[in-house]
Structure formats: structure tokens, C-alpha cells
Protein backbone atom coordinates (compact mmCIF):
# COMPACT_ATOMS: atom_id res chain seq x y z
CA MET A 1 7.17 -9.90 4.64
CA THR A 2 4.29 -9.97 7.02
CA ASN A 3 3.73 -12.74 9.46
CA ARG A 4 -0.02 -13.11 8.90
CA LYS A 5 -0.42 -13.76 12.63
CA LEU A 6 0.65 -10.16 13.31
CA LEU A 7 -2.45 -8.99 11.46
CA ASP A 8 -4.69 -10.64 14.07
CA ASN A 9 -4.19 -7.47 16.13
CA TYR A 10 -5.99 -5.38 13.52
CA THR A 11 -9.52 -5.25 12.12
CA LYS A 12 -9.89 -6.38 8.52
CA VAL A 13 -11.99 -3.73 6.79
CA TYR A 14 -11.82 -5.11 3.26
CA ASP A 15 -11.26 -8.51 1.70
CA GLY A 16 -11.00 -8.40 -2.08
CA LYS A 17 -9.50 -10.53 -4.80
CA PHE A 18 -6.39 -8.33 -5.06
CA ALA A 19 -6.32 -6.55 -1.71
CA GLU A 20 -6.96 -7.07 1.97
CA ILE A 21 -7.01 -3.91 4.06
CA TYR A 22 -6.63 -3.72 7.82
CA ASP A 23 -7.25 -0.79 10.15
CA MET A 24 -4.20 -0.11 12.34
CA SER A 25 -5.55 3.14 13.84
CA ASN A 26 -6.13 1.61 17.27
CA GLU A 27 -2.34 1.34 17.54
CA ILE A 28 -1.09 4.02 15.14
CA PRO A 29 -3.59 6.71 14.13
CA PHE A 30 -4.06 7.32 10.39
CA VAL A 31 -2.31 4.08 9.39
CA ALA A 32 -3.67 1.11 7.48
CA PHE A 33 -2.13 -2.14 6.33
CA ALA A 34 -2.75 -3.36 2.80
CA TYR A 35 -1.94 -6.87 1.62
CA TRP A 36 -1.73 -6.81 -2.20
CA LYS A 37 -1.84 -10.04 -4.15
CA GLY A 38 -2.21 -11.58 -7.54
CA PHE A 39 -1.68 -10.69 -11.16
CA TYR A 40 -3.22 -7.29 -11.86
CA ARG A 41 -5.24 -6.76 -15.03
CA LEU A 42 -7.16 -3.63 -15.95
CA SER A 43 -9.72 -5.87 -17.64
CA ASP A 44 -10.56 -7.48 -14.28
CA ALA A 45 -13.34 -5.43 -12.64
CA ASP A 46 -12.25 -6.72 -9.23
CA PHE A 47 -8.86 -5.06 -9.66
CA VAL A 48 -10.42 -1.64 -10.26
CA LYS A 49 -12.92 -2.25 -7.42
CA ASP A 50 -10.12 -3.13 -4.97
CA MET A 51 -8.00 -0.13 -6.00
CA THR A 52 -11.01 2.18 -5.72
CA PHE A 53 -11.82 0.91 -2.24
CA SER A 54 -8.21 1.46 -1.16
CA THR A 55 -8.23 5.13 -2.19
CA GLU A 56 -11.72 5.75 -0.80
CA TYR A 57 -10.52 4.30 2.49
CA ILE A 58 -7.63 6.80 2.47
CA HIS A 59 -10.14 9.59 2.00
CA ASP A 60 -12.80 8.41 4.45
CA GLN A 61 -10.42 7.45 7.28
CA ARG A 62 -7.84 10.21 6.63
CA ILE A 63 -5.12 7.58 6.16
CA LYS A 64 -1.62 9.09 6.02
CA VAL A 65 0.32 5.84 5.66
CA TYR A 66 -0.26 2.44 4.09
CA ILE A 67 2.06 -0.34 5.11
CA SER A 68 1.79 -2.35 1.90
CA ASP A 69 2.75 -6.01 1.80
CA HIS A 70 3.49 -6.98 -1.79
CA SER A 71 4.87 -10.44 -0.94
CA MET A 72 2.20 -12.19 -3.04
CA LEU A 73 2.38 -9.70 -5.91
CA GLN A 74 2.88 -11.28 -9.31
CA VAL A 75 3.74 -9.50 -12.57
CA VAL A 76 2.34 -5.99 -13.04
CA SER A 77 1.96 -5.19 -16.73
CA GLU A 78 2.98 -1.85 -18.24
CA ASP A 79 -0.66 -0.79 -18.77
CA VAL A 80 -1.45 -1.44 -15.09
CA LEU A 81 1.69 0.44 -14.00
CA ALA A 82 0.63 3.39 -16.16
CA TRP A 83 -2.90 3.24 -14.69
CA LEU A 84 -1.56 3.19 -11.13
CA HIS A 85 0.73 6.16 -11.83
CA GLN A 86 -2.01 8.13 -13.61
CA ASN A 87 -4.91 7.21 -11.31
CA TRP A 88 -4.15 5.52 -7.99
CA TYR A 89 -1.15 7.56 -6.85
CA PRO A 90 -2.59 10.98 -7.79
CA LYS A 91 -5.89 10.17 -6.07
CA ALA A 92 -4.11 8.80 -2.98
CA THR A 93 -2.00 11.98 -2.87
CA GLN A 94 -5.08 14.17 -3.24
CA TYR A 95 -6.75 12.29 -0.36
CA GLY A 96 -3.75 12.80 1.94
CA LEU A 97 -1.57 9.68 1.71
CA LEU A 98 2.01 10.60 2.57
CA VAL A 99 3.79 7.23 2.69
CA GLU A 100 3.44 3.77 1.20
CA ALA A 101 5.87 1.68 3.26
CA ALA A 102 6.32 -1.32 0.98
CA LEU A 103 7.26 -4.90 1.83
CA ASP A 104 8.90 -6.54 -1.19
CA ALA A 105 7.47 -9.30 -3.37
CA ASN A 106 8.58 -12.91 -2.86
CA ASN A 107 9.36 -13.58 -6.52
CA VAL A 108 11.73 -11.80 -8.89
CA PHE A 109 8.96 -10.78 -11.31
CA GLY A 110 6.95 -9.20 -8.52
CA GLN A 111 10.11 -7.47 -7.24
CA LEU A 112 10.83 -5.99 -10.67
CA SER A 113 7.21 -4.88 -11.02
CA LEU A 114 7.26 -3.30 -7.57
CA GLN A 115 10.48 -1.45 -8.38
CA LYS A 116 8.75 0.10 -11.42
CA MET A 117 5.58 0.78 -9.44
CA LEU A 118 7.39 2.64 -6.66
CA ASP A 119 9.41 4.83 -9.04
CA ASP A 120 9.69 8.15 -7.17
CA SER A 121 9.29 10.14 -10.37
CA LYS A 122 5.85 8.54 -10.90
CA THR A 123 4.36 8.29 -7.40
CA GLY A 124 3.98 12.04 -6.91
CA LYS A 125 4.50 13.30 -3.39
CA ILE A 126 4.07 9.87 -1.79
CA LEU A 127 7.22 8.58 -0.12
CA THR A 128 7.72 4.89 -1.05
CA PRO A 129 10.48 3.24 1.00
CA LYS A 130 10.89 -0.55 0.86
CA PHE A 131 11.37 -2.80 3.88
CA THR A 132 12.19 -6.46 4.39
CA ASP A 133 9.65 -7.03 7.17
CA PHE A 134 6.52 -5.64 8.80
CA LEU A 135 8.05 -4.69 12.15
CA THR A 136 10.80 -2.60 10.54
CA ALA A 137 8.24 -0.85 8.34
CA LYS A 138 5.97 -0.25 11.35
CA LYS A 139 8.85 1.29 13.34
CA PHE A 140 9.69 3.59 10.43
CA VAL A 141 6.03 4.63 10.14
CA GLN A 142 5.79 5.44 13.85
CA GLU A 143 8.97 7.53 13.70
CA PHE A 144 7.81 9.27 10.51
CA LEU A 145 4.46 10.23 12.00
CA ASN A 146 6.07 11.34 15.27
CA SER A 147 8.40 13.61 13.31
CA LYS A 148 5.40 15.13 11.49
CA THR A 149 3.51 15.86 14.73
CA ASN A 150 6.60 17.28 16.42
CA SER A 151 7.50 19.67 13.60
């Protein structure tokens, strides 16, 4: 989970009902942090707005990696999971996202939802490893990007 104080080092570029997005590019180029929260519903226009911003940000800023904190994630219904797998992940892949380094949910329902969300067979080419804390995820991301630039 993220110590919210750690995010003080980064510029918040979006503050929505279901997502907060921070620019980490001053420290690690092409990386953003996303804090996902709440109970997702396709019927909630704010959910679609937040998801749309997150993919547009990938496109506009050439984001290669999201470190995604799902600690405040609640239940994700089957229709939302299907929408994410049919819409968000394909668009994120098309726009160049390579990794979603995920921090697990705090509650068991969020954890089960996240497990279904990050199903490798449904996230396309996006690598979706899970981590217990921000610093471990950040270290992985740095090593991953270094390996890409050195190969």
C-alpha cells in the first residue's frame, strides 16, 4: 500500500471520484501513479470519465507504466470487469502501456476483484505484477524500464 506522504513528491494531474493520477516522470520517465478507489459502476458517469482520463493520459504523456494502488478498491462487478477487459486494457495497450504494477486492495472483496481484473489472459500484452508496497513496486518499475532501454 502507498504511504500517501510518498505522493507529495509527485504532481497530482487528476483528482476524480474513482481515480487520482500523479505524474512521476520527474523521477522515472514515462511512469505515472494511479490511486484507484471506490465501488465501480458502469452506470456512474464519473467512473467512465475517470477511466477515459487515465487512458488519455497514457496516450498524451507516453506512459509506459502505471503504479496502481488499489488499496481502497471495493467490489468490482462482472460487468465492470468485462468493460475493463474489453475497453480499458486494449486502449491502454494501444497507447503504449507495458506494465500496471498493482498494489493490492485492503479488503478481501477488493482483493478478489483485483485478482479477476489482473487476469493475464484478459489484460492483453500488459504485464500486471502485484506488490505489497509502493517502494517495492517502484524498484521493480525502475529495473523493468532499465532492462528495456538496455536491450
